[in-house]
Structures are given as C-alpha cells and as structure tokens.
C-alpha atoms as a PDB file:
ATOM      1  CA  MET A   1      97.431  86.145 103.299  1.00  0.00           C
ATOM      2  CA  LYS A   2      99.251  83.163 104.765  1.00  0.00           C
ATOM      3  CA  ILE A   3     102.947  82.877 105.608  1.00  0.00           C
ATOM      4  CA  GLN A   4     104.569  79.495 106.150  1.00  0.00           C
ATOM      5  CA  CYS A   5     107.092  79.932 108.974  1.00  0.00           C
ATOM      6  CA  GLU A   6     110.394  78.075 108.898  1.00  0.00           C
ATOM      7  CA  CYS A   7     109.217  76.162 111.995  1.00  0.00           C
ATOM      8  CA  GLY A   8     106.201  74.830 110.075  1.00  0.00           C
ATOM      9  CA  HIS A   9     103.555  77.030 111.729  1.00  0.00           C
ATOM     10  CA  MET A  10     101.162  78.912 109.435  1.00  0.00           C
ATOM     11  CA  ILE A  11     100.824  82.662 110.071  1.00  0.00           C
ATOM     12  CA  HIS A  12      97.380  83.936 109.039  1.00  0.00           C
ATOM     13  CA  ASP A  13      96.590  87.532 108.079  1.00  0.00           C
ATOM     14  CA  GLY A  14      92.950  87.641 107.141  1.00  0.00           C
ATOM     15  CA  THR A  15      91.544  90.463 109.263  1.00  0.00           C
ATOM     16  CA  ASP A  16      92.463  93.618 111.189  1.00  0.00           C
ATOM     17  CA  GLY A  17      93.513  93.939 114.818  1.00  0.00           C
ATOM     18  CA  LEU A  18      95.772  90.887 114.889  1.00  0.00           C
ATOM     19  CA  GLY A  19      98.098  90.429 117.865  1.00  0.00           C
ATOM     20  CA  HIS A  20     100.829  88.921 115.698  1.00  0.00           C
ATOM     21  CA  LYS A  21     100.896  91.710 113.101  1.00  0.00           C
ATOM     22  CA  GLY A  22     102.411  95.171 113.283  1.00  0.00           C
ATOM     23  CA  HIS A  23     103.550  98.101 111.192  1.00  0.00           C
ATOM     24  CA  LEU A  24     107.048  99.528 111.326  1.00  0.00           C
ATOM     25  CA  ILE A  25     107.916 103.097 110.320  1.00  0.00           C
ATOM     26  CA  PRO A  26     111.607 103.682 109.580  1.00  0.00           C
ATOM     27  CA  ASP A  27     113.218 106.433 111.650  1.00  0.00           C
ATOM     28  CA  ARG A  28     114.245 108.265 108.477  1.00  0.00           C
ATOM     29  CA  ARG A  29     110.541 108.820 107.723  1.00  0.00           C
ATOM     30  CA  TRP A  30     109.399 109.608 111.288  1.00  0.00           C
ATOM     31  CA  ASP A  31     109.857 113.407 111.159  1.00  0.00           C
ATOM     32  CA  GLU A  32     108.170 113.538 107.752  1.00  0.00           C
ATOM     33  CA  LEU A  33     105.185 111.727 109.232  1.00  0.00           C
ATOM     34  CA  ALA A  34     105.059 114.018 112.273  1.00  0.00           C
ATOM     35  CA  ASP A  35     105.182 117.097 110.020  1.00  0.00           C
ATOM     36  CA  ALA A  36     102.371 115.702 107.860  1.00  0.00           C
ATOM     37  CA  ILE A  37     100.245 115.061 110.953  1.00  0.00           C
ATOM     38  CA  ASP A  38     100.850 118.617 112.158  1.00  0.00           C
ATOM     39  CA  ALA A  39      99.894 119.994 108.741  1.00  0.00           C
ATOM     40  CA  ALA A  40      96.742 117.873 108.642  1.00  0.00           C
ATOM     41  CA  ILE A  41      95.638 119.105 112.056  1.00  0.00           C
ATOM     42  CA  GLU A  42      96.348 122.735 111.222  1.00  0.00           C
ATOM     43  CA  THR A  43      94.453 122.690 107.895  1.00  0.00           C
ATOM     44  CA  GLY A  44      91.255 121.026 109.109  1.00  0.00           C
ATOM     45  CA  GLU A  45      88.965 124.070 108.985  1.00  0.00           C
ATOM     46  CA  THR A  46      85.947 122.353 107.429  1.00  0.00           C
ATOM     47  CA  PRO A  47      84.667 118.769 107.438  1.00  0.00           C
ATOM     48  CA  ARG A  48      85.805 118.441 103.817  1.00  0.00           C
ATOM     49  CA  HIS A  49      89.332 119.633 104.682  1.00  0.00           C
ATOM     50  CA  ARG A  50      89.484 117.281 107.679  1.00  0.00           C
ATOM     51  CA  GLU A  51      88.365 114.329 105.554  1.00  0.00           C
ATOM     52  CA  ALA A  52      90.978 115.126 102.884  1.00  0.00           C
ATOM     53  CA  ALA A  53      93.672 115.433 105.572  1.00  0.00           C
ATOM     54  CA  ALA A  54      92.648 112.108 107.124  1.00  0.00           C
ATOM     55  CA  MET A  55      92.868 110.396 103.739  1.00  0.00           C
ATOM     56  CA  ARG A  56      96.339 111.920 103.172  1.00  0.00           C
ATOM     57  CA  MET A  57      97.430 110.479 106.518  1.00  0.00           C
ATOM     58  CA  ARG A  58      96.184 106.999 105.587  1.00  0.00           C
ATOM     59  CA  VAL A  59      98.011 107.126 102.253  1.00  0.00           C
ATOM     60  CA  LEU A  60     101.185 108.384 103.920  1.00  0.00           C
ATOM     61  CA  LEU A  61     101.043 105.703 106.629  1.00  0.00           C
ATOM     62  CA  ASN A  62     100.631 102.997 103.996  1.00  0.00           C
ATOM     63  CA  GLU A  63     103.527 104.389 101.956  1.00  0.00           C
ATOM     64  CA  MET A  64     105.872 104.770 104.938  1.00  0.00           C
ATOM     65  CA  SER A  65     105.198 101.649 106.942  1.00  0.00           C
ATOM     66  CA  ARG A  66     106.301  98.088 106.470  1.00  0.00           C
ATOM     67  CA  THR A  67     104.156  95.223 107.670  1.00  0.00           C
ATOM     68  CA  VAL A  68     105.602  92.794 110.208  1.00  0.00           C
ATOM     69  CA  TRP A  69     104.180  89.413 111.254  1.00  0.00           C
ATOM     70  CA  GLN A  70     105.305  87.204 114.142  1.00  0.00           C
ATOM     71  CA  CYS A  71     105.034  83.447 114.319  1.00  0.00           C
ATOM     72  CA  ASP A  72     103.018  82.508 117.414  1.00  0.00           C
ATOM     73  CA  ALA A  73     104.937  79.240 117.703  1.00  0.00           C
ATOM     74  CA  CYS A  74     108.615  80.244 117.521  1.00  0.00           C
ATOM     75  CA  GLY A  75     108.695  84.067 117.608  1.00  0.00           C
ATOM     76  CA  MET A  76     110.248  84.490 114.147  1.00  0.00           C
ATOM     77  CA  LEU A  77     109.504  87.891 112.600  1.00  0.00           C
ATOM     78  CA  TYR A  78     108.685  88.328 108.938  1.00  0.00           C
ATOM     79  CA  MET A  79     108.861  91.822 107.449  1.00  0.00           C
ATOM     80  CA  ASP A  80     107.737  93.080 104.061  1.00  0.00           C
ATOM     81  CA  ASN A  81     110.822  94.756 102.592  1.00  0.00           C
ATOM     82  CA  GLY A  82     108.776  97.266 100.604  1.00  0.00           C
ATOM     83  CA  HIS A  83     109.171  95.321  97.364  1.00  0.00           C
ATOM     84  CA  ARG A  84     106.606  92.577  98.107  1.00  0.00           C
ATOM     85  CA  GLN A  85     109.284  90.258  99.490  1.00  0.00           C
ATOM     86  CA  LEU A  86     109.497  88.889 103.026  1.00  0.00           C
ATOM     87  CA  ARG A  87     112.613  89.023 105.165  1.00  0.00           C
ATOM     88  CA  ALA A  88     112.881  86.721 108.189  1.00  0.00           C
ATOM     89  CA  PHE A  89     114.381  87.641 111.571  1.00  0.00           C
ATOM     90  CA  ARG A  90     115.051  84.967 114.167  1.00  0.00           C
ATOM     91  CA  PRO A  91     114.957  85.739 117.923  1.00  0.00           C
ATOM     92  CA  ALA A  92     118.348  85.751 119.637  1.00  0.00           C
ATOM     93  CA  GLY A  93     118.954  82.764 121.885  1.00  0.00           C
ATOM     94  CA  ASP A  94     116.143  81.479 124.067  1.00  0.00           C
ATOM     95  CA  GLU A  95     114.666  84.911 124.712  1.00  0.00           C
ATOM     96  CA  ASP A  96     110.860  84.909 125.008  1.00  0.00           C
ATOM     97  CA  VAL A  97     109.675  87.378 122.375  1.00  0.00           C
ATOM     98  CA  LEU A  98     106.197  85.981 121.711  1.00  0.00           C
ATOM     99  CA  GLY A  99     103.572  88.712 121.628  1.00  0.00           C
ATOM    100  CA  ILE A 100     106.042  91.509 120.885  1.00  0.00           C
ATOM    101  CA  LEU A 101     103.616  92.939 118.296  1.00  0.00           C
ATOM    102  CA  SER A 102     100.485  92.639 120.452  1.00  0.00           C
ATOM    103  CA  GLY A 103     100.647  96.249 121.651  1.00  0.00           C
ATOM    104  CA  ARG A 104     100.158  95.274 125.287  1.00  0.00           C
END
C-alpha cells in the first residue's frame, strides 16, 4: 500500500514492523479486548484450545483496531476510519512529532 501525503512524500506500507505505522484501539473497545484476553488465557487447557484462543485474539485485534500511518517528512497522520477511507491529522504548530508511532 502507498499513501501520497499532502506534503508530496510517499508513505510505503509493504511489510511488517514499520516505524511509521501503528494500530489504534478505541477506548470504548479496550475493556472488551481485556476481557477477551483474560478469557483466552483462562481457557487454554490444551494446545488446541490455546491455538483457537490465539486465533480469536488476532481476529478481535483486527476487528477493533484502526491502522495509522505517519509521514516521515512532515509528521501528518493518516488513519483508516474503519470504512476503507483515510482521515488526515496535521500536527499542531511546529511541534516535532516525527517517530510518534515507532514504539521507542
């Protein structure tokens, strides 16, 4: 996937572990996710049960989260709105926000 930023920079998303990509989970879904994690841990009696629980977690994470990309040039954030459309968010003022999704 490629996103053309308003500044002209191209944002690439062709692999995993990218420093300019993140996943956002809305607060309204946070407790639901925590409860599902608890249930998955508590029901993992056999390898088959643990594998099924892990797959449920992956499905739930994909359903709950929204993907976010940051332009490495200007810091603009682009978020998938859950309907396959991007929404853009511009940094306030001259604040340095580059790398905000890097996890470091």
